[in-house]
Amino acid sequence: MSIIDNAEADFRSKLNGSLQHIEVPEWGENGEPLKIYYKPLVNFKQQEKVFALTQAGKIGEAVAQTLIIRALDEDGKPLFHQGELEKMMRFVDPSVISRVVNLMAPEDQLDTEDLKKS
């Protein structure tokens, strides 16, 4: 195998790993918190929108976009759809969105402060 094949195999194994989850009490029902599942990593293709929004100075929109990309149900299906971005931006508590996105971020992932510096 070539180096790129090895790198791809490594990334695929990480993407196909088990889902992690975060509990969000504010969005739950019947006294139970909502469980938002996510994969520990996402690929650059998925992050292109986030990087572009950050570079354009649209930090809030980038954070909301990250939630749309990363939030899954227990079966690995998206909880949110692209068409819900505007509603999320206008009518959902930004502190909850930010908290959830920050909890999903691996420790070695670039954060928005790093992106603004680049």
N, C-alpha and C. Protein backbone atom coordinates (compact mmCIF):
# COMPACT_ATOMS: atom_id res chain seq x y z
N MET A 1 0.84 -1.19 0.00
CA MET A 1 0.00 0.00 0.00
C MET A 1 0.88 1.25 0.00
N SER A 2 0.36 2.29 -0.63
CA SER A 2 1.08 3.56 -0.64
C SER A 2 0.79 4.33 0.65
N ILE A 3 1.52 5.39 0.85
CA ILE A 3 1.31 6.22 2.04
C ILE A 3 -0.10 6.80 2.04
N ILE A 4 -0.56 7.28 0.89
CA ILE A 4 -1.91 7.86 0.84
C ILE A 4 -2.96 6.80 1.12
N ASP A 5 -2.74 5.57 0.66
CA ASP A 5 -3.68 4.49 0.97
C ASP A 5 -3.70 4.20 2.46
N ASN A 6 -2.54 4.21 3.09
CA ASN A 6 -2.45 4.00 4.53
C ASN A 6 -3.15 5.13 5.29
N ALA A 7 -2.93 6.36 4.83
CA ALA A 7 -3.56 7.52 5.47
C ALA A 7 -5.09 7.45 5.33
N GLU A 8 -5.55 7.06 4.15
CA GLU A 8 -6.98 6.92 3.92
C GLU A 8 -7.58 5.82 4.79
N ALA A 9 -6.90 4.70 4.89
CA ALA A 9 -7.38 3.59 5.73
C ALA A 9 -7.47 4.02 7.20
N ASP A 10 -6.48 4.78 7.65
CA ASP A 10 -6.49 5.27 9.03
C ASP A 10 -7.70 6.18 9.27
N PHE A 11 -7.94 7.11 8.34
CA PHE A 11 -9.04 8.04 8.49
C PHE A 11 -10.38 7.32 8.43
N ARG A 12 -10.52 6.36 7.51
CA ARG A 12 -11.78 5.59 7.41
C ARG A 12 -12.07 4.84 8.71
N SER A 13 -11.03 4.28 9.31
CA SER A 13 -11.26 3.54 10.55
C SER A 13 -11.73 4.49 11.66
N LYS A 14 -11.22 5.71 11.66
CA LYS A 14 -11.66 6.70 12.65
C LYS A 14 -13.09 7.16 12.38
N LEU A 15 -13.42 7.37 11.10
CA LEU A 15 -14.78 7.80 10.75
C LEU A 15 -15.81 6.71 11.02
N ASN A 16 -15.41 5.46 10.88
CA ASN A 16 -16.34 4.36 11.07
C ASN A 16 -16.41 3.88 12.51
N GLY A 17 -15.71 4.57 13.40
CA GLY A 17 -15.73 4.22 14.81
C GLY A 17 -17.10 4.49 15.42
N SER A 18 -17.22 4.21 16.68
CA SER A 18 -18.50 4.38 17.36
C SER A 18 -18.84 5.86 17.51
N LEU A 19 -20.12 6.11 17.55
CA LEU A 19 -20.60 7.47 17.75
C LEU A 19 -20.45 7.87 19.21
N GLN A 20 -20.12 9.11 19.43
CA GLN A 20 -20.10 9.67 20.77
C GLN A 20 -21.38 10.48 20.92
N HIS A 21 -21.72 10.86 22.14
CA HIS A 21 -22.91 11.69 22.29
C HIS A 21 -22.74 12.73 23.39
N ILE A 22 -23.58 13.74 23.28
CA ILE A 22 -23.67 14.85 24.22
C ILE A 22 -25.13 14.95 24.64
N GLU A 23 -25.36 15.25 25.90
CA GLU A 23 -26.73 15.46 26.36
C GLU A 23 -27.01 16.95 26.42
N VAL A 24 -28.16 17.33 25.87
CA VAL A 24 -28.57 18.74 25.84
C VAL A 24 -29.91 18.87 26.56
N PRO A 25 -29.87 19.23 27.84
CA PRO A 25 -31.11 19.30 28.63
C PRO A 25 -32.13 20.28 28.05
N GLU A 26 -31.66 21.40 27.52
CA GLU A 26 -32.57 22.44 27.01
C GLU A 26 -33.42 21.96 25.84
N TRP A 27 -32.97 20.98 25.11
CA TRP A 27 -33.67 20.55 23.91
C TRP A 27 -34.36 19.21 24.07
N GLY A 28 -34.41 18.69 25.27
CA GLY A 28 -35.03 17.39 25.51
C GLY A 28 -36.53 17.48 25.68
N GLU A 29 -37.11 16.32 25.97
CA GLU A 29 -38.56 16.23 26.18
C GLU A 29 -38.84 15.40 27.42
N ASN A 30 -39.96 15.69 28.07
CA ASN A 30 -40.42 14.91 29.22
C ASN A 30 -39.35 14.77 30.30
N GLY A 31 -38.60 15.83 30.54
CA GLY A 31 -37.57 15.81 31.57
C GLY A 31 -36.30 15.06 31.20
N GLU A 32 -36.23 14.55 29.99
CA GLU A 32 -35.05 13.83 29.52
C GLU A 32 -34.26 14.71 28.56
N PRO A 33 -32.94 14.78 28.72
CA PRO A 33 -32.15 15.60 27.79
C PRO A 33 -32.11 14.96 26.39
N LEU A 34 -31.98 15.79 25.39
CA LEU A 34 -31.77 15.30 24.03
C LEU A 34 -30.35 14.76 23.94
N LYS A 35 -30.19 13.61 23.33
CA LYS A 35 -28.85 13.09 23.08
C LYS A 35 -28.50 13.40 21.63
N ILE A 36 -27.45 14.16 21.45
CA ILE A 36 -26.95 14.45 20.11
C ILE A 36 -25.71 13.59 19.91
N TYR A 37 -25.75 12.78 18.88
CA TYR A 37 -24.64 11.89 18.57
C TYR A 37 -23.76 12.56 17.52
N TYR A 38 -22.52 12.17 17.48
CA TYR A 38 -21.59 12.72 16.50
C TYR A 38 -20.40 11.78 16.34
N LYS A 39 -19.73 11.93 15.20
CA LYS A 39 -18.50 11.19 14.96
C LYS A 39 -17.35 12.05 15.46
N PRO A 40 -16.29 11.41 15.95
CA PRO A 40 -15.18 12.20 16.49
C PRO A 40 -14.48 13.07 15.44
N LEU A 41 -14.58 12.70 14.17
CA LEU A 41 -13.91 13.46 13.11
C LEU A 41 -14.88 13.75 11.97
N VAL A 42 -14.59 14.80 11.22
CA VAL A 42 -15.26 15.07 9.95
C VAL A 42 -14.18 15.38 8.93
N ASN A 43 -14.52 15.21 7.67
CA ASN A 43 -13.51 15.45 6.64
C ASN A 43 -13.49 16.91 6.20
N PHE A 44 -12.44 17.26 5.46
CA PHE A 44 -12.30 18.64 5.00
C PHE A 44 -13.46 19.06 4.10
N LYS A 45 -13.96 18.15 3.31
CA LYS A 45 -15.08 18.48 2.42
C LYS A 45 -16.27 19.00 3.23
N GLN A 46 -16.54 18.32 4.36
CA GLN A 46 -17.64 18.76 5.22
C GLN A 46 -17.34 20.10 5.88
N GLN A 47 -16.08 20.38 6.12
CA GLN A 47 -15.70 21.59 6.82
C GLN A 47 -15.53 22.81 5.91
N GLU A 48 -15.58 22.62 4.59
CA GLU A 48 -15.37 23.75 3.67
C GLU A 48 -16.29 24.93 3.95
N LYS A 49 -17.57 24.65 4.17
CA LYS A 49 -18.52 25.73 4.45
C LYS A 49 -18.15 26.46 5.73
N VAL A 50 -17.76 25.71 6.74
CA VAL A 50 -17.40 26.30 8.02
C VAL A 50 -16.17 27.20 7.86
N PHE A 51 -15.15 26.71 7.17
CA PHE A 51 -13.95 27.51 6.96
C PHE A 51 -14.27 28.78 6.17
N ALA A 52 -15.09 28.66 5.13
CA ALA A 52 -15.44 29.82 4.31
C ALA A 52 -16.21 30.85 5.13
N LEU A 53 -17.16 30.40 5.92
CA LEU A 53 -17.93 31.32 6.75
C LEU A 53 -17.04 32.02 7.77
N THR A 54 -16.12 31.28 8.36
CA THR A 54 -15.21 31.86 9.34
C THR A 54 -14.32 32.91 8.69
N GLN A 55 -13.78 32.59 7.53
CA GLN A 55 -12.92 33.54 6.81
C GLN A 55 -13.69 34.80 6.42
N ALA A 56 -15.00 34.66 6.20
CA ALA A 56 -15.84 35.81 5.85
C ALA A 56 -16.29 36.59 7.08
N GLY A 57 -15.84 36.17 8.27
CA GLY A 57 -16.21 36.87 9.49
C GLY A 57 -17.57 36.49 10.03
N LYS A 58 -18.17 35.44 9.50
CA LYS A 58 -19.50 34.99 9.93
C LYS A 58 -19.35 33.86 10.95
N ILE A 59 -18.83 34.21 12.11
CA ILE A 59 -18.48 33.22 13.12
C ILE A 59 -19.72 32.50 13.64
N GLY A 60 -20.77 33.22 13.95
CA GLY A 60 -22.01 32.59 14.43
C GLY A 60 -22.58 31.61 13.44
N GLU A 61 -22.61 32.01 12.19
CA GLU A 61 -23.11 31.13 11.14
C GLU A 61 -22.21 29.90 10.99
N ALA A 62 -20.91 30.09 11.15
CA ALA A 62 -19.98 28.96 11.07
C ALA A 62 -20.23 27.96 12.20
N VAL A 63 -20.52 28.46 13.39
CA VAL A 63 -20.80 27.57 14.52
C VAL A 63 -22.10 26.81 14.28
N ALA A 64 -23.13 27.51 13.82
CA ALA A 64 -24.41 26.85 13.52
C ALA A 64 -24.24 25.82 12.40
N GLN A 65 -23.45 26.15 11.39
CA GLN A 65 -23.18 25.23 10.29
C GLN A 65 -22.47 23.97 10.80
N THR A 66 -21.57 24.16 11.75
CA THR A 66 -20.88 23.02 12.34
C THR A 66 -21.87 22.08 13.02
N LEU A 67 -22.83 22.64 13.72
CA LEU A 67 -23.85 21.81 14.36
C LEU A 67 -24.65 21.04 13.32
N ILE A 68 -25.02 21.69 12.25
CA ILE A 68 -25.77 21.01 11.19
C ILE A 68 -24.97 19.85 10.62
N ILE A 69 -23.69 20.07 10.41
CA ILE A 69 -22.82 19.03 9.84
C ILE A 69 -22.64 17.86 10.81
N ARG A 70 -22.45 18.16 12.08
CA ARG A 70 -22.01 17.13 13.03
C ARG A 70 -23.12 16.42 13.78
N ALA A 71 -24.25 17.06 14.03
CA ALA A 71 -25.29 16.49 14.89
C ALA A 71 -26.02 15.34 14.20
N LEU A 72 -26.01 14.19 14.87
CA LEU A 72 -26.63 12.98 14.33
C LEU A 72 -27.59 12.38 15.35
N ASP A 73 -28.50 11.52 14.87
CA ASP A 73 -29.30 10.74 15.81
C ASP A 73 -28.54 9.46 16.14
N GLU A 74 -29.13 8.60 16.95
CA GLU A 74 -28.43 7.40 17.38
C GLU A 74 -28.13 6.43 16.24
N ASP A 75 -28.82 6.59 15.11
CA ASP A 75 -28.57 5.74 13.93
C ASP A 75 -27.56 6.36 12.98
N GLY A 76 -27.03 7.54 13.34
CA GLY A 76 -26.04 8.20 12.49
C GLY A 76 -26.64 9.05 11.39
N LYS A 77 -27.92 9.37 11.48
CA LYS A 77 -28.58 10.22 10.49
C LYS A 77 -28.62 11.66 11.00
N PRO A 78 -28.50 12.62 10.09
CA PRO A 78 -28.47 14.03 10.51
C PRO A 78 -29.71 14.45 11.29
N LEU A 79 -29.49 15.21 12.34
CA LEU A 79 -30.61 15.77 13.12
C LEU A 79 -31.14 17.05 12.47
N PHE A 80 -30.26 17.78 11.82
CA PHE A 80 -30.63 19.05 11.21
C PHE A 80 -30.33 19.01 9.72
N HIS A 81 -31.02 19.86 8.99
CA HIS A 81 -30.82 19.96 7.54
C HIS A 81 -30.40 21.38 7.19
N GLN A 82 -29.75 21.53 6.07
CA GLN A 82 -29.23 22.82 5.64
C GLN A 82 -30.31 23.90 5.63
N GLY A 83 -31.52 23.53 5.26
CA GLY A 83 -32.62 24.49 5.21
C GLY A 83 -33.01 25.05 6.56
N GLU A 84 -32.52 24.46 7.64
CA GLU A 84 -32.84 24.92 8.99
C GLU A 84 -31.83 25.93 9.54
N LEU A 85 -30.80 26.23 8.76
CA LEU A 85 -29.75 27.15 9.23
C LEU A 85 -30.32 28.52 9.59
N GLU A 86 -31.15 29.08 8.75
CA GLU A 86 -31.69 30.42 9.01
C GLU A 86 -32.52 30.43 10.29
N LYS A 87 -33.35 29.43 10.49
CA LYS A 87 -34.16 29.34 11.70
C LYS A 87 -33.26 29.18 12.93
N MET A 88 -32.22 28.38 12.79
CA MET A 88 -31.28 28.18 13.88
C MET A 88 -30.59 29.50 14.23
N MET A 89 -30.22 30.26 13.22
CA MET A 89 -29.53 31.53 13.42
C MET A 89 -30.42 32.57 14.11
N ARG A 90 -31.70 32.52 13.85
CA ARG A 90 -32.61 33.54 14.38
C ARG A 90 -33.30 33.16 15.69
N PHE A 91 -33.59 31.86 15.86
CA PHE A 91 -34.50 31.49 16.94
C PHE A 91 -33.98 30.45 17.93
N VAL A 92 -32.71 30.09 17.84
CA VAL A 92 -32.15 29.10 18.78
C VAL A 92 -31.06 29.78 19.60
N ASP A 93 -31.03 29.49 20.88
CA ASP A 93 -30.08 30.10 21.81
C ASP A 93 -28.65 29.84 21.35
N PRO A 94 -27.92 30.90 20.98
CA PRO A 94 -26.56 30.72 20.49
C PRO A 94 -25.61 30.15 21.54
N SER A 95 -25.88 30.40 22.82
CA SER A 95 -24.99 29.85 23.84
C SER A 95 -25.11 28.33 23.92
N VAL A 96 -26.30 27.80 23.68
CA VAL A 96 -26.48 26.35 23.68
C VAL A 96 -25.81 25.75 22.45
N ILE A 97 -26.00 26.36 21.29
CA ILE A 97 -25.36 25.87 20.07
C ILE A 97 -23.84 25.86 20.26
N SER A 98 -23.30 26.95 20.76
CA SER A 98 -21.85 27.05 20.96
C SER A 98 -21.34 25.99 21.93
N ARG A 99 -22.08 25.80 23.02
CA ARG A 99 -21.67 24.79 24.01
C ARG A 99 -21.63 23.39 23.39
N VAL A 100 -22.67 23.06 22.64
CA VAL A 100 -22.74 21.73 22.01
C VAL A 100 -21.60 21.55 21.02
N VAL A 101 -21.37 22.53 20.18
CA VAL A 101 -20.30 22.44 19.18
C VAL A 101 -18.94 22.33 19.86
N ASN A 102 -18.72 23.11 20.90
CA ASN A 102 -17.44 23.02 21.62
C ASN A 102 -17.24 21.66 22.26
N LEU A 103 -18.30 21.06 22.77
CA LEU A 103 -18.18 19.74 23.38
C LEU A 103 -17.89 18.66 22.33
N MET A 104 -18.32 18.88 21.10
CA MET A 104 -18.06 17.93 20.02
C MET A 104 -16.64 18.01 19.49
N ALA A 105 -15.99 19.14 19.67
CA ALA A 105 -14.69 19.38 19.05
C ALA A 105 -13.59 18.57 19.72
N PRO A 106 -12.83 17.82 18.93
CA PRO A 106 -11.67 17.15 19.51
C PRO A 106 -10.67 18.19 20.00
N GLU A 107 -9.88 17.84 20.99
CA GLU A 107 -8.94 18.80 21.57
C GLU A 107 -7.94 19.33 20.56
N ASP A 108 -7.61 18.53 19.55
CA ASP A 108 -6.60 18.97 18.59
C ASP A 108 -7.21 19.64 17.36
N GLN A 109 -8.53 19.86 17.34
CA GLN A 109 -9.19 20.48 16.19
C GLN A 109 -8.96 21.98 16.23
N LEU A 110 -8.86 22.59 15.06
CA LEU A 110 -8.75 24.04 14.98
C LEU A 110 -10.03 24.66 15.52
N ASP A 111 -9.89 25.70 16.31
CA ASP A 111 -11.08 26.41 16.75
C ASP A 111 -11.21 27.70 15.95
N THR A 112 -12.28 28.43 16.21
CA THR A 112 -12.54 29.63 15.41
C THR A 112 -11.46 30.68 15.62
N GLU A 113 -10.84 30.74 16.80
CA GLU A 113 -9.77 31.69 17.01
C GLU A 113 -8.58 31.36 16.14
N ASP A 114 -8.25 30.07 16.01
CA ASP A 114 -7.17 29.66 15.13
C ASP A 114 -7.49 30.02 13.68
N LEU A 115 -8.74 29.83 13.28
CA LEU A 115 -9.11 30.11 11.89
C LEU A 115 -9.01 31.59 11.59
N LYS A 116 -9.38 32.44 12.55
CA LYS A 116 -9.31 33.88 12.31
C LYS A 116 -7.87 34.34 12.13
N LYS A 117 -6.92 33.65 12.74
CA LYS A 117 -5.52 34.03 12.65
C LYS A 117 -4.90 33.62 11.32
N SER A 118 -5.51 32.65 10.63
CA SER A 118 -4.90 32.16 9.39
C SER A 118 -5.23 33.00 8.19
